[in-house]
Amino acid sequence: MGGTDDQRRMSQIPDHAPRTVSIENQMPEDLFEAMREFIRVHPQWDQYRLMQAALAGFLVQHGSHDRAVARHYLNGLFRREPAPVEHPPSRVVSDRLDPSS
């Protein structure tokens, strides 16, 4: 087999894989605590799904006509279990969402 390990791994990524962007955000602590409590009470949600649903909802409510945005909005409303999506590690948010902290 030719190529480096990285080249072999990249050749295994399907062309139709969803594209994601990692975002770092600062927010008021009271909003963060409300998000953390919501996720604690609703374990089928995670911080990624909540933020995606919130952003898509905001865009739809403020006039976005983009079908992809509408799809994310509706998926956020009606999906009952977490999607099997790999999320990049996020130490700051993940550590603070840990109920033991």
PDB file of N, CA and C in Angstrom:
ATOM      1  N   MET A   1       0.838  -1.187   0.000  1.00  0.00           N
ATOM      2  CA  MET A   1       0.000   0.000   0.000  1.00  0.00           C
ATOM      3  C   MET A   1       0.873   1.237   0.000  1.00  0.00           C
ATOM      4  N   GLY A   2       0.523   2.212  -0.823  1.00  0.00           N
ATOM      5  CA  GLY A   2       1.293   3.435  -0.871  1.00  0.00           C
ATOM      6  C   GLY A   2       0.643   4.536  -0.068  1.00  0.00           C
ATOM      7  N   GLY A   3       1.394   5.595   0.170  1.00  0.00           N
ATOM      8  CA  GLY A   3       0.843   6.755   0.863  1.00  0.00           C
ATOM      9  C   GLY A   3       1.059   6.696   2.359  1.00  0.00           C
ATOM     10  N   THR A   4       0.940   7.851   2.954  1.00  0.00           N
ATOM     11  CA  THR A   4       1.091   7.937   4.405  1.00  0.00           C
ATOM     12  C   THR A   4      -0.200   7.519   5.092  1.00  0.00           C
ATOM     13  N   ASP A   5      -0.116   7.345   6.408  1.00  0.00           N
ATOM     14  CA  ASP A   5      -1.323   7.009   7.175  1.00  0.00           C
ATOM     15  C   ASP A   5      -2.396   8.078   6.995  1.00  0.00           C
ATOM     16  N   ASP A   6      -1.985   9.358   7.009  1.00  0.00           N
ATOM     17  CA  ASP A   6      -2.954  10.446   6.834  1.00  0.00           C
ATOM     18  C   ASP A   6      -3.638  10.362   5.474  1.00  0.00           C
ATOM     19  N   GLN A   7      -2.878  10.057   4.425  1.00  0.00           N
ATOM     20  CA  GLN A   7      -3.470   9.943   3.093  1.00  0.00           C
ATOM     21  C   GLN A   7      -4.465   8.790   3.038  1.00  0.00           C
ATOM     22  N   ARG A   8      -4.150   7.680   3.672  1.00  0.00           N
ATOM     23  CA  ARG A   8      -5.080   6.540   3.682  1.00  0.00           C
ATOM     24  C   ARG A   8      -6.354   6.886   4.443  1.00  0.00           C
ATOM     25  N   ARG A   9      -6.206   7.571   5.583  1.00  0.00           N
ATOM     26  CA  ARG A   9      -7.401   7.958   6.353  1.00  0.00           C
ATOM     27  C   ARG A   9      -8.265   8.930   5.557  1.00  0.00           C
ATOM     28  N   MET A  10      -7.647   9.898   4.902  1.00  0.00           N
ATOM     29  CA  MET A  10      -8.405  10.879   4.127  1.00  0.00           C
ATOM     30  C   MET A  10      -9.149  10.221   2.978  1.00  0.00           C
ATOM     31  N   SER A  11      -8.581   9.166   2.397  1.00  0.00           N
ATOM     32  CA  SER A  11      -9.253   8.501   1.279  1.00  0.00           C
ATOM     33  C   SER A  11     -10.482   7.738   1.752  1.00  0.00           C
ATOM     34  N   GLN A  12     -10.634   7.525   3.057  1.00  0.00           N
ATOM     35  CA  GLN A  12     -11.781   6.804   3.591  1.00  0.00           C
ATOM     36  C   GLN A  12     -12.928   7.735   3.977  1.00  0.00           C
ATOM     37  N   ILE A  13     -12.735   9.042   3.899  1.00  0.00           N
ATOM     38  CA  ILE A  13     -13.789   9.991   4.245  1.00  0.00           C
ATOM     39  C   ILE A  13     -14.705  10.144   3.036  1.00  0.00           C
ATOM     40  N   PRO A  14     -16.005   9.863   3.209  1.00  0.00           N
ATOM     41  CA  PRO A  14     -16.916   9.978   2.069  1.00  0.00           C
ATOM     42  C   PRO A  14     -17.092  11.432   1.644  1.00  0.00           C
ATOM     43  N   ASP A  15     -17.338  11.627   0.346  1.00  0.00           N
ATOM     44  CA  ASP A  15     -17.540  12.973  -0.187  1.00  0.00           C
ATOM     45  C   ASP A  15     -18.805  13.622   0.361  1.00  0.00           C
ATOM     46  N   HIS A  16     -19.763  12.821   0.786  1.00  0.00           N
ATOM     47  CA  HIS A  16     -21.041  13.358   1.238  1.00  0.00           C
ATOM     48  C   HIS A  16     -21.101  13.568   2.753  1.00  0.00           C
ATOM     49  N   ALA A  17     -19.976  13.488   3.423  1.00  0.00           N
ATOM     50  CA  ALA A  17     -19.961  13.696   4.875  1.00  0.00           C
ATOM     51  C   ALA A  17     -20.386  15.136   5.174  1.00  0.00           C
ATOM     52  N   PRO A  18     -21.224  15.333   6.193  1.00  0.00           N
ATOM     53  CA  PRO A  18     -21.647  16.696   6.517  1.00  0.00           C
ATOM     54  C   PRO A  18     -20.456  17.541   6.943  1.00  0.00           C
ATOM     55  N   ARG A  19     -20.437  18.773   6.496  1.00  0.00           N
ATOM     56  CA  ARG A  19     -19.358  19.681   6.863  1.00  0.00           C
ATOM     57  C   ARG A  19     -19.738  20.390   8.148  1.00  0.00           C
ATOM     58  N   THR A  20     -18.808  20.492   9.043  1.00  0.00           N
ATOM     59  CA  THR A  20     -19.054  21.195  10.299  1.00  0.00           C
ATOM     60  C   THR A  20     -17.966  22.234  10.517  1.00  0.00           C
ATOM     61  N   VAL A  21     -18.297  23.216  11.305  1.00  0.00           N
ATOM     62  CA  VAL A  21     -17.373  24.275  11.672  1.00  0.00           C
ATOM     63  C   VAL A  21     -17.365  24.347  13.189  1.00  0.00           C
ATOM     64  N   SER A  22     -16.194  24.414  13.765  1.00  0.00           N
ATOM     65  CA  SER A  22     -16.079  24.535  15.214  1.00  0.00           C
ATOM     66  C   SER A  22     -16.128  26.013  15.585  1.00  0.00           C
ATOM     67  N   ILE A  23     -16.961  26.343  16.582  1.00  0.00           N
ATOM     68  CA  ILE A  23     -17.120  27.734  17.009  1.00  0.00           C
ATOM     69  C   ILE A  23     -16.835  27.826  18.502  1.00  0.00           C
ATOM     70  N   GLU A  24     -16.052  28.810  18.864  1.00  0.00           N
ATOM     71  CA  GLU A  24     -15.835  29.106  20.277  1.00  0.00           C
ATOM     72  C   GLU A  24     -16.621  30.372  20.578  1.00  0.00           C
ATOM     73  N   ASN A  25     -17.372  30.361  21.657  1.00  0.00           N
ATOM     74  CA  ASN A  25     -18.243  31.487  21.955  1.00  0.00           C
ATOM     75  C   ASN A  25     -18.199  31.815  23.442  1.00  0.00           C
ATOM     76  N   GLN A  26     -18.235  33.089  23.743  1.00  0.00           N
ATOM     77  CA  GLN A  26     -18.392  33.517  25.127  1.00  0.00           C
ATOM     78  C   GLN A  26     -19.834  33.961  25.291  1.00  0.00           C
ATOM     79  N   MET A  27     -20.445  33.577  26.417  1.00  0.00           N
ATOM     80  CA  MET A  27     -21.833  33.947  26.666  1.00  0.00           C
ATOM     81  C   MET A  27     -21.993  34.306  28.129  1.00  0.00           C
ATOM     82  N   PRO A  28     -23.059  35.029  28.448  1.00  0.00           N
ATOM     83  CA  PRO A  28     -23.316  35.342  29.857  1.00  0.00           C
ATOM     84  C   PRO A  28     -23.471  34.056  30.666  1.00  0.00           C
ATOM     85  N   GLU A  29     -22.962  34.089  31.879  1.00  0.00           N
ATOM     86  CA  GLU A  29     -22.972  32.889  32.712  1.00  0.00           C
ATOM     87  C   GLU A  29     -24.386  32.394  32.988  1.00  0.00           C
ATOM     88  N   ASP A  30     -25.355  33.306  33.130  1.00  0.00           N
ATOM     89  CA  ASP A  30     -26.721  32.850  33.398  1.00  0.00           C
ATOM     90  C   ASP A  30     -27.300  32.072  32.221  1.00  0.00           C
ATOM     91  N   LEU A  31     -26.961  32.462  30.988  1.00  0.00           N
ATOM     92  CA  LEU A  31     -27.400  31.677  29.826  1.00  0.00           C
ATOM     93  C   LEU A  31     -26.723  30.313  29.809  1.00  0.00           C
ATOM     94  N   PHE A  32     -25.443  30.295  30.137  1.00  0.00           N
ATOM     95  CA  PHE A  32     -24.723  29.028  30.176  1.00  0.00           C
ATOM     96  C   PHE A  32     -25.333  28.091  31.216  1.00  0.00           C
ATOM     97  N   GLU A  33     -25.636  28.620  32.395  1.00  0.00           N
ATOM     98  CA  GLU A  33     -26.231  27.793  33.451  1.00  0.00           C
ATOM     99  C   GLU A  33     -27.610  27.289  33.036  1.00  0.00           C
ATOM    100  N   ALA A  34     -28.387  28.127  32.343  1.00  0.00           N
ATOM    101  CA  ALA A  34     -29.699  27.693  31.853  1.00  0.00           C
ATOM    102  C   ALA A  34     -29.538  26.571  30.827  1.00  0.00           C
ATOM    103  N   MET A  35     -28.542  26.694  29.947  1.00  0.00           N
ATOM    104  CA  MET A  35     -28.280  25.643  28.967  1.00  0.00           C
ATOM    105  C   MET A  35     -27.872  24.357  29.678  1.00  0.00           C
ATOM    106  N   ARG A  36     -26.998  24.472  30.642  1.00  0.00           N
ATOM    107  CA  ARG A  36     -26.532  23.302  31.388  1.00  0.00           C
ATOM    108  C   ARG A  36     -27.685  22.599  32.100  1.00  0.00           C
ATOM    109  N   GLU A  37     -28.576  23.364  32.703  1.00  0.00           N
ATOM    110  CA  GLU A  37     -29.737  22.785  33.390  1.00  0.00           C
ATOM    111  C   GLU A  37     -30.683  22.120  32.390  1.00  0.00           C
ATOM    112  N   PHE A  38     -30.900  22.756  31.251  1.00  0.00           N
ATOM    113  CA  PHE A  38     -31.763  22.169  30.223  1.00  0.00           C
ATOM    114  C   PHE A  38     -31.207  20.821  29.773  1.00  0.00           C
ATOM    115  N   ILE A  39     -29.911  20.756  29.533  1.00  0.00           N
ATOM    116  CA  ILE A  39     -29.276  19.510  29.091  1.00  0.00           C
ATOM    117  C   ILE A  39     -29.344  18.456  30.192  1.00  0.00           C
ATOM    118  N   ARG A  40     -29.221  18.867  31.441  1.00  0.00           N
ATOM    119  CA  ARG A  40     -29.334  17.914  32.545  1.00  0.00           C
ATOM    120  C   ARG A  40     -30.729  17.297  32.589  1.00  0.00           C
ATOM    121  N   VAL A  41     -31.752  18.116  32.399  1.00  0.00           N
ATOM    122  CA  VAL A  41     -33.138  17.652  32.471  1.00  0.00           C
ATOM    123  C   VAL A  41     -33.556  16.912  31.198  1.00  0.00           C
ATOM    124  N   HIS A  42     -32.946  17.237  30.073  1.00  0.00           N
ATOM    125  CA  HIS A  42     -33.276  16.633  28.777  1.00  0.00           C
ATOM    126  C   HIS A  42     -32.029  15.938  28.218  1.00  0.00           C
ATOM    127  N   PRO A  43     -31.719  14.735  28.689  1.00  0.00           N
ATOM    128  CA  PRO A  43     -30.464  14.083  28.301  1.00  0.00           C
ATOM    129  C   PRO A  43     -30.365  13.731  26.815  1.00  0.00           C
ATOM    130  N   GLN A  44     -31.473  13.755  26.090  1.00  0.00           N
ATOM    131  CA  GLN A  44     -31.402  13.484  24.655  1.00  0.00           C
ATOM    132  C   GLN A  44     -30.813  14.688  23.896  1.00  0.00           C
ATOM    133  N   TRP A  45     -30.682  15.822  24.553  1.00  0.00           N
ATOM    134  CA  TRP A  45     -30.067  17.009  23.967  1.00  0.00           C
ATOM    135  C   TRP A  45     -28.613  17.085  24.423  1.00  0.00           C
ATOM    136  N   ASP A  46     -27.789  17.716  23.612  1.00  0.00           N
ATOM    137  CA  ASP A  46     -26.427  18.046  24.018  1.00  0.00           C
ATOM    138  C   ASP A  46     -26.165  19.490  23.619  1.00  0.00           C
ATOM    139  N   GLN A  47     -25.023  20.015  24.020  1.00  0.00           N
ATOM    140  CA  GLN A  47     -24.726  21.419  23.756  1.00  0.00           C
ATOM    141  C   GLN A  47     -24.691  21.722  22.269  1.00  0.00           C
ATOM    142  N   TYR A  48     -24.285  20.767  21.444  1.00  0.00           N
ATOM    143  CA  TYR A  48     -24.189  20.994  20.009  1.00  0.00           C
ATOM    144  C   TYR A  48     -25.581  21.090  19.388  1.00  0.00           C
ATOM    145  N   ARG A  49     -26.444  20.157  19.746  1.00  0.00           N
ATOM    146  CA  ARG A  49     -27.808  20.162  19.216  1.00  0.00           C
ATOM    147  C   ARG A  49     -28.543  21.427  19.672  1.00  0.00           C
ATOM    148  N   LEU A  50     -28.386  21.796  20.931  1.00  0.00           N
ATOM    149  CA  LEU A  50     -29.057  22.981  21.455  1.00  0.00           C
ATOM    150  C   LEU A  50     -28.604  24.243  20.723  1.00  0.00           C
ATOM    151  N   MET A  51     -27.311  24.415  20.551  1.00  0.00           N
ATOM    152  CA  MET A  51     -26.806  25.608  19.876  1.00  0.00           C
ATOM    153  C   MET A  51     -27.216  25.628  18.403  1.00  0.00           C
ATOM    154  N   GLN A  52     -27.202  24.462  17.735  1.00  0.00           N
ATOM    155  CA  GLN A  52     -27.638  24.408  16.340  1.00  0.00           C
ATOM    156  C   GLN A  52     -29.111  24.769  16.218  1.00  0.00           C
ATOM    157  N   ALA A  53     -29.945  24.212  17.110  1.00  0.00           N
ATOM    158  CA  ALA A  53     -31.380  24.506  17.080  1.00  0.00           C
ATOM    159  C   ALA A  53     -31.633  25.984  17.372  1.00  0.00           C
ATOM    160  N   ALA A  54     -30.901  26.542  18.335  1.00  0.00           N
ATOM    161  CA  ALA A  54     -31.084  27.952  18.686  1.00  0.00           C
ATOM    162  C   ALA A  54     -30.696  28.863  17.520  1.00  0.00           C
ATOM    163  N   LEU A  55     -29.569  28.596  16.892  1.00  0.00           N
ATOM    164  CA  LEU A  55     -29.124  29.420  15.771  1.00  0.00           C
ATOM    165  C   LEU A  55     -30.071  29.289  14.586  1.00  0.00           C
ATOM    166  N   ALA A  56     -30.452  28.058  14.251  1.00  0.00           N
ATOM    167  CA  ALA A  56     -31.373  27.853  13.132  1.00  0.00           C
ATOM    168  C   ALA A  56     -32.721  28.514  13.426  1.00  0.00           C
ATOM    169  N   GLY A  57     -33.211  28.376  14.659  1.00  0.00           N
ATOM    170  CA  GLY A  57     -34.474  29.009  15.033  1.00  0.00           C
ATOM    171  C   GLY A  57     -34.412  30.521  14.910  1.00  0.00           C
ATOM    172  N   PHE A  58     -33.323  31.109  15.363  1.00  0.00           N
ATOM    173  CA  PHE A  58     -33.143  32.556  15.254  1.00  0.00           C
ATOM    174  C   PHE A  58     -33.168  32.987  13.787  1.00  0.00           C
ATOM    175  N   LEU A  59     -32.424  32.263  12.942  1.00  0.00           N
ATOM    176  CA  LEU A  59     -32.359  32.631  11.529  1.00  0.00           C
ATOM    177  C   LEU A  59     -33.720  32.497  10.847  1.00  0.00           C
ATOM    178  N   VAL A  60     -34.452  31.416  11.131  1.00  0.00           N
ATOM    179  CA  VAL A  60     -35.780  31.220  10.544  1.00  0.00           C
ATOM    180  C   VAL A  60     -36.722  32.333  11.011  1.00  0.00           C
ATOM    181  N   GLN A  61     -36.701  32.636  12.298  1.00  0.00           N
ATOM    182  CA  GLN A  61     -37.589  33.671  12.835  1.00  0.00           C
ATOM    183  C   GLN A  61     -37.264  35.062  12.301  1.00  0.00           C
ATOM    184  N   HIS A  62     -36.037  35.243  11.834  1.00  0.00           N
ATOM    185  CA  HIS A  62     -35.642  36.553  11.322  1.00  0.00           C
ATOM    186  C   HIS A  62     -35.538  36.576   9.797  1.00  0.00           C
ATOM    187  N   GLY A  63     -36.273  35.682   9.147  1.00  0.00           N
ATOM    188  CA  GLY A  63     -36.462  35.794   7.706  1.00  0.00           C
ATOM    189  C   GLY A  63     -35.605  34.941   6.806  1.00  0.00           C
ATOM    190  N   SER A  64     -34.815  34.033   7.337  1.00  0.00           N
ATOM    191  CA  SER A  64     -34.016  33.176   6.459  1.00  0.00           C
ATOM    192  C   SER A  64     -34.937  32.278   5.640  1.00  0.00           C
ATOM    193  N   HIS A  65     -34.671  32.210   4.338  1.00  0.00           N
ATOM    194  CA  HIS A  65     -35.431  31.339   3.443  1.00  0.00           C
ATOM    195  C   HIS A  65     -34.563  30.193   2.925  1.00  0.00           C
ATOM    196  N   ASP A  66     -33.407  30.021   3.514  1.00  0.00           N
ATOM    197  CA  ASP A  66     -32.479  28.969   3.103  1.00  0.00           C
ATOM    198  C   ASP A  66     -33.031  27.610   3.530  1.00  0.00           C
ATOM    199  N   ARG A  67     -33.161  26.696   2.576  1.00  0.00           N
ATOM    200  CA  ARG A  67     -33.716  25.368   2.874  1.00  0.00           C
ATOM    201  C   ARG A  67     -32.857  24.601   3.878  1.00  0.00           C
ATOM    202  N   ALA A  68     -31.559  24.746   3.797  1.00  0.00           N
ATOM    203  CA  ALA A  68     -30.672  24.037   4.730  1.00  0.00           C
ATOM    204  C   ALA A  68     -30.901  24.534   6.158  1.00  0.00           C
ATOM    205  N   VAL A  69     -31.099  25.829   6.319  1.00  0.00           N
ATOM    206  CA  VAL A  69     -31.370  26.383   7.651  1.00  0.00           C
ATOM    207  C   VAL A  69     -32.701  25.847   8.167  1.00  0.00           C
ATOM    208  N   ALA A  70     -33.718  25.822   7.306  1.00  0.00           N
ATOM    209  CA  ALA A  70     -35.029  25.289   7.705  1.00  0.00           C
ATOM    210  C   ALA A  70     -34.919  23.817   8.093  1.00  0.00           C
ATOM    211  N   ARG A  71     -34.107  23.066   7.361  1.00  0.00           N
ATOM    212  CA  ARG A  71     -33.922  21.642   7.672  1.00  0.00           C
ATOM    213  C   ARG A  71     -33.274  21.475   9.046  1.00  0.00           C
ATOM    214  N   HIS A  72     -32.251  22.261   9.338  1.00  0.00           N
ATOM    215  CA  HIS A  72     -31.610  22.189  10.660  1.00  0.00           C
ATOM    216  C   HIS A  72     -32.593  22.585  11.756  1.00  0.00           C
ATOM    217  N   TYR A  73     -33.402  23.593  11.480  1.00  0.00           N
ATOM    218  CA  TYR A  73     -34.397  24.044  12.452  1.00  0.00           C
ATOM    219  C   TYR A  73     -35.390  22.921  12.752  1.00  0.00           C
ATOM    220  N   LEU A  74     -35.941  22.313  11.717  1.00  0.00           N
ATOM    221  CA  LEU A  74     -36.921  21.237  11.911  1.00  0.00           C
ATOM    222  C   LEU A  74     -36.280  20.001  12.536  1.00  0.00           C
ATOM    223  N   ASN A  75     -35.067  19.663  12.128  1.00  0.00           N
ATOM    224  CA  ASN A  75     -34.376  18.522  12.745  1.00  0.00           C
ATOM    225  C   ASN A  75     -34.161  18.763  14.235  1.00  0.00           C
ATOM    226  N   GLY A  76     -33.849  19.980  14.603  1.00  0.00           N
ATOM    227  CA  GLY A  76     -33.662  20.295  16.012  1.00  0.00           C
ATOM    228  C   GLY A  76     -34.943  20.171  16.809  1.00  0.00           C
ATOM    229  N   LEU A  77     -36.062  20.477  16.181  1.00  0.00           N
ATOM    230  CA  LEU A  77     -37.346  20.386  16.874  1.00  0.00           C
ATOM    231  C   LEU A  77     -37.830  18.960  17.037  1.00  0.00           C
ATOM    232  N   PHE A  78     -37.602  18.122  16.022  1.00  0.00           N
ATOM    233  CA  PHE A  78     -38.257  16.820  15.995  1.00  0.00           C
ATOM    234  C   PHE A  78     -37.361  15.619  16.228  1.00  0.00           C
ATOM    235  N   ARG A  79     -36.063  15.788  16.236  1.00  0.00           N
ATOM    236  CA  ARG A  79     -35.175  14.652  16.480  1.00  0.00           C
ATOM    237  C   ARG A  79     -35.303  14.240  17.935  1.00  0.00           C
ATOM    238  N   ARG A  80     -35.506  12.966  18.189  1.00  0.00           N
ATOM    239  CA  ARG A  80     -35.747  12.484  19.549  1.00  0.00           C
ATOM    240  C   ARG A  80     -34.505  11.923  20.225  1.00  0.00           C
ATOM    241  N   GLU A  81     -33.492  11.571  19.475  1.00  0.00           N
ATOM    242  CA  GLU A  81     -32.273  11.037  20.074  1.00  0.00           C
ATOM    243  C   GLU A  81     -31.088  11.711  19.417  1.00  0.00           C
ATOM    244  N   PRO A  82     -29.964  11.782  20.091  1.00  0.00           N
ATOM    245  CA  PRO A  82     -28.806  12.463  19.518  1.00  0.00           C
ATOM    246  C   PRO A  82     -28.352  11.804  18.230  1.00  0.00           C
ATOM    247  N   ALA A  83     -27.965  12.628  17.290  1.00  0.00           N
ATOM    248  CA  ALA A  83     -27.433  12.111  16.032  1.00  0.00           C
ATOM    249  C   ALA A  83     -26.040  11.566  16.268  1.00  0.00           C
ATOM    250  N   PRO A  84     -25.679  10.505  15.555  1.00  0.00           N
ATOM    251  CA  PRO A  84     -24.333   9.940  15.719  1.00  0.00           C
ATOM    252  C   PRO A  84     -23.298  10.777  14.978  1.00  0.00           C
ATOM    253  N   VAL A  85     -23.030  11.976  15.492  1.00  0.00           N
ATOM    254  CA  VAL A  85     -22.088  12.896  14.868  1.00  0.00           C
ATOM    255  C   VAL A  85     -20.878  13.029  15.772  1.00  0.00           C
ATOM    256  N   GLU A  86     -19.704  12.950  15.180  1.00  0.00           N
ATOM    257  CA  GLU A  86     -18.473  13.156  15.937  1.00  0.00           C
ATOM    258  C   GLU A  86     -18.309  14.652  16.160  1.00  0.00           C
ATOM    259  N   HIS A  87     -18.095  15.057  17.402  1.00  0.00           N
ATOM    260  CA  HIS A  87     -17.875  16.457  17.725  1.00  0.00           C
ATOM    261  C   HIS A  87     -16.430  16.638  18.157  1.00  0.00           C
ATOM    262  N   PRO A  88     -15.828  17.754  17.746  1.00  0.00           N
ATOM    263  CA  PRO A  88     -14.453  18.001  18.186  1.00  0.00           C
ATOM    264  C   PRO A  88     -14.429  18.197  19.693  1.00  0.00           C
ATOM    265  N   PRO A  89     -13.347  17.787  20.336  1.00  0.00           N
ATOM    266  CA  PRO A  89     -13.277  17.974  21.788  1.00  0.00           C
ATOM    267  C   PRO A  89     -13.337  19.455  22.131  1.00  0.00           C
ATOM    268  N   SER A  90     -14.031  19.774  23.168  1.00  0.00           N
ATOM    269  CA  SER A  90     -14.169  21.150  23.617  1.00  0.00           C
ATOM    270  C   SER A  90     -13.996  21.152  25.127  1.00  0.00           C
ATOM    271  N   ARG A  91     -12.774  21.252  25.576  1.00  0.00           N
ATOM    272  CA  ARG A  91     -12.472  21.110  27.006  1.00  0.00           C
ATOM    273  C   ARG A  91     -13.243  22.106  27.857  1.00  0.00           C
ATOM    274  N   VAL A  92     -13.280  23.359  27.465  1.00  0.00           N
ATOM    275  CA  VAL A  92     -13.884  24.376  28.316  1.00  0.00           C
ATOM    276  C   VAL A  92     -15.364  24.086  28.524  1.00  0.00           C
ATOM    277  N   VAL A  93     -16.104  23.887  27.436  1.00  0.00           N
ATOM    278  CA  VAL A  93     -17.542  23.658  27.553  1.00  0.00           C
ATOM    279  C   VAL A  93     -17.816  22.300  28.162  1.00  0.00           C
ATOM    280  N   SER A  94     -17.119  21.258  27.698  1.00  0.00           N
ATOM    281  CA  SER A  94     -17.383  19.916  28.193  1.00  0.00           C
ATOM    282  C   SER A  94     -17.104  19.812  29.682  1.00  0.00           C
ATOM    283  N   ASP A  95     -16.014  20.399  30.151  1.00  0.00           N
ATOM    284  CA  ASP A  95     -15.687  20.330  31.569  1.00  0.00           C
ATOM    285  C   ASP A  95     -16.744  21.045  32.404  1.00  0.00           C
ATOM    286  N   ARG A  96     -17.250  22.157  31.920  1.00  0.00           N
ATOM    287  CA  ARG A  96     -18.225  22.923  32.701  1.00  0.00           C
ATOM    288  C   ARG A  96     -19.594  22.283  32.647  1.00  0.00           C
ATOM    289  N   LEU A  97     -19.886  21.482  31.617  1.00  0.00           N
ATOM    290  CA  LEU A  97     -21.180  20.826  31.539  1.00  0.00           C
ATOM    291  C   LEU A  97     -21.230  19.579  32.396  1.00  0.00           C
ATOM    292  N   ASP A  98     -20.096  19.156  32.898  1.00  0.00           N
ATOM    293  CA  ASP A  98     -20.059  17.974  33.752  1.00  0.00           C
ATOM    294  C   ASP A  98     -20.804  18.290  35.043  1.00  0.00           C
ATOM    295  N   PRO A  99     -21.909  17.556  35.342  1.00  0.00           N
ATOM    296  CA  PRO A  99     -22.704  17.852  36.534  1.00  0.00           C
ATOM    297  C   PRO A  99     -21.925  17.736  37.837  1.00  0.00           C
ATOM    298  N   SER A 100     -20.806  17.041  37.832  1.00  0.00           N
ATOM    299  CA  SER A 100     -20.035  16.883  39.067  1.00  0.00           C
ATOM    300  C   SER A 100     -19.204  18.116  39.386  1.00  0.00           C
ATOM    301  N   SER A 101     -19.122  19.069  38.450  1.00  0.00           N
ATOM    302  CA  SER A 101     -18.303  20.260  38.706  1.00  0.00           C
ATOM    303  C   SER A 101     -19.086  21.336  39.396  1.00  0.00           C
TER     304      SER A 101
END
